[in-house]
């Protein structure tokens, strides 16, 4: 569906996804499903709210995922 959204969990990326990574993925998702790269002024609020909600949901998902077989880091 959204080929430009990258996988945000290891081992696809070497470390935890940043807030910036999560927000970028949420923005790409909202752009794809809405069909707008940049919404008109009268749609900006709902567009931004959708990005915020999807980013928050994604962050909760990432926090809750258990990736089995992933290398354990020792620092």
C-alpha atoms as a PDB file:
ATOM      1  CA  UNK A   1       0.000   0.000   0.000  1.00  0.00           C
ATOM      2  CA  UNK A   2       2.441   2.672   1.179  1.00  0.00           C
ATOM      3  CA  UNK A   3       5.770   1.598  -0.227  1.00  0.00           C
ATOM      4  CA  UNK A   4       7.560   4.624   1.205  1.00  0.00           C
ATOM      5  CA  UNK A   5       6.688   3.748   4.805  1.00  0.00           C
ATOM      6  CA  UNK A   6       9.614   1.842   6.260  1.00  0.00           C
ATOM      7  CA  UNK A   7       9.487  -0.916   8.851  1.00  0.00           C
ATOM      8  CA  UNK A   8      10.167   0.629  12.240  1.00  0.00           C
ATOM      9  CA  UNK A   9      11.212  -2.381  14.298  1.00  0.00           C
ATOM     10  CA  UNK A  10      14.529  -4.170  14.564  1.00  0.00           C
ATOM     11  CA  UNK A  11      16.098  -5.793  12.673  1.00  0.00           C
ATOM     12  CA  UNK A  12      14.779  -3.576   9.856  1.00  0.00           C
ATOM     13  CA  UNK A  13      16.373  -0.637  11.640  1.00  0.00           C
ATOM     14  CA  UNK A  14      19.312  -1.141  13.999  1.00  0.00           C
ATOM     15  CA  UNK A  15      17.849   0.798  16.937  1.00  0.00           C
ATOM     16  CA  UNK A  16      14.499   1.931  18.286  1.00  0.00           C
ATOM     17  CA  UNK A  17      12.400   4.093  16.009  1.00  0.00           C
ATOM     18  CA  UNK A  18      12.568   7.765  16.889  1.00  0.00           C
ATOM     19  CA  UNK A  19       9.572  10.048  17.286  1.00  0.00           C
ATOM     20  CA  UNK A  20      10.607  11.566  13.962  1.00  0.00           C
ATOM     21  CA  UNK A  21      10.543   8.124  12.263  1.00  0.00           C
ATOM     22  CA  UNK A  22       7.113   7.369  13.720  1.00  0.00           C
ATOM     23  CA  UNK A  23       5.671  10.751  12.751  1.00  0.00           C
ATOM     24  CA  UNK A  24       7.039  10.446   9.192  1.00  0.00           C
ATOM     25  CA  UNK A  25       5.380   7.039   8.801  1.00  0.00           C
ATOM     26  CA  UNK A  26       2.087   8.393  10.189  1.00  0.00           C
ATOM     27  CA  UNK A  27       2.230  11.348   7.801  1.00  0.00           C
ATOM     28  CA  UNK A  28       2.845   9.052   4.822  1.00  0.00           C
ATOM     29  CA  UNK A  29      -0.091   6.873   5.860  1.00  0.00           C
ATOM     30  CA  UNK A  30      -2.477   9.837   6.178  1.00  0.00           C
ATOM     31  CA  UNK A  31      -1.290  11.244   2.849  1.00  0.00           C
ATOM     32  CA  UNK A  32      -1.898   7.901   1.168  1.00  0.00           C
ATOM     33  CA  UNK A  33      -5.361   7.216   2.551  1.00  0.00           C
ATOM     34  CA  UNK A  34      -6.574  10.816   2.203  1.00  0.00           C
ATOM     35  CA  UNK A  35      -5.156  11.301  -1.273  1.00  0.00           C
ATOM     36  CA  UNK A  36      -3.703  14.677  -0.253  1.00  0.00           C
ATOM     37  CA  UNK A  37      -0.002  15.454  -0.086  1.00  0.00           C
ATOM     38  CA  UNK A  38      -0.855  18.735   1.618  1.00  0.00           C
ATOM     39  CA  UNK A  39      -4.451  19.352   2.680  1.00  0.00           C
ATOM     40  CA  UNK A  40      -6.367  22.533   1.973  1.00  0.00           C
ATOM     41  CA  UNK A  41      -6.619  24.968   4.873  1.00  0.00           C
ATOM     42  CA  UNK A  42     -10.144  23.805   5.716  1.00  0.00           C
ATOM     43  CA  UNK A  43      -8.861  20.203   6.104  1.00  0.00           C
ATOM     44  CA  UNK A  44      -5.586  20.968   7.899  1.00  0.00           C
ATOM     45  CA  UNK A  45      -6.879  20.440  11.444  1.00  0.00           C
ATOM     46  CA  UNK A  46      -8.418  17.032  10.781  1.00  0.00           C
ATOM     47  CA  UNK A  47      -5.358  15.989   8.749  1.00  0.00           C
ATOM     48  CA  UNK A  48      -2.966  16.986  11.561  1.00  0.00           C
ATOM     49  CA  UNK A  49      -5.135  15.301  14.187  1.00  0.00           C
ATOM     50  CA  UNK A  50      -5.100  12.068  12.188  1.00  0.00           C
ATOM     51  CA  UNK A  51      -1.301  12.183  11.930  1.00  0.00           C
ATOM     52  CA  UNK A  52      -1.037  12.772  15.706  1.00  0.00           C
ATOM     53  CA  UNK A  53      -3.411   9.900  16.524  1.00  0.00           C
ATOM     54  CA  UNK A  54      -1.701   7.461  14.169  1.00  0.00           C
ATOM     55  CA  UNK A  55       1.735   8.437  15.477  1.00  0.00           C
ATOM     56  CA  UNK A  56       0.572   7.871  19.078  1.00  0.00           C
ATOM     57  CA  UNK A  57      -0.949   4.506  18.177  1.00  0.00           C
ATOM     58  CA  UNK A  58       2.226   3.507  16.340  1.00  0.00           C
ATOM     59  CA  UNK A  59       4.372   4.464  19.340  1.00  0.00           C
ATOM     60  CA  UNK A  60       2.178   2.296  21.602  1.00  0.00           C
ATOM     61  CA  UNK A  61       2.455  -0.572  19.130  1.00  0.00           C
ATOM     62  CA  UNK A  62       6.241  -0.287  18.973  1.00  0.00           C
ATOM     63  CA  UNK A  63       6.468  -0.158  22.778  1.00  0.00           C
ATOM     64  CA  UNK A  64       4.349  -3.294  23.109  1.00  0.00           C
ATOM     65  CA  UNK A  65       5.955  -5.466  20.446  1.00  0.00           C
ATOM     66  CA  UNK A  66       8.123  -8.358  21.527  1.00  0.00           C
ATOM     67  CA  UNK A  67      10.633  -9.197  18.817  1.00  0.00           C
ATOM     68  CA  UNK A  68      11.723 -12.763  19.387  1.00  0.00           C
ATOM     69  CA  UNK A  69      15.134 -13.829  18.264  1.00  0.00           C
ATOM     70  CA  UNK A  70      16.401 -10.254  18.234  1.00  0.00           C
ATOM     71  CA  UNK A  71      19.888  -9.767  19.539  1.00  0.00           C
ATOM     72  CA  UNK A  72      19.987  -8.485  23.088  1.00  0.00           C
ATOM     73  CA  UNK A  73      22.166  -5.407  23.483  1.00  0.00           C
ATOM     74  CA  UNK A  74      24.471  -5.046  26.425  1.00  0.00           C
ATOM     75  CA  UNK A  75      25.851  -1.643  27.252  1.00  0.00           C
END
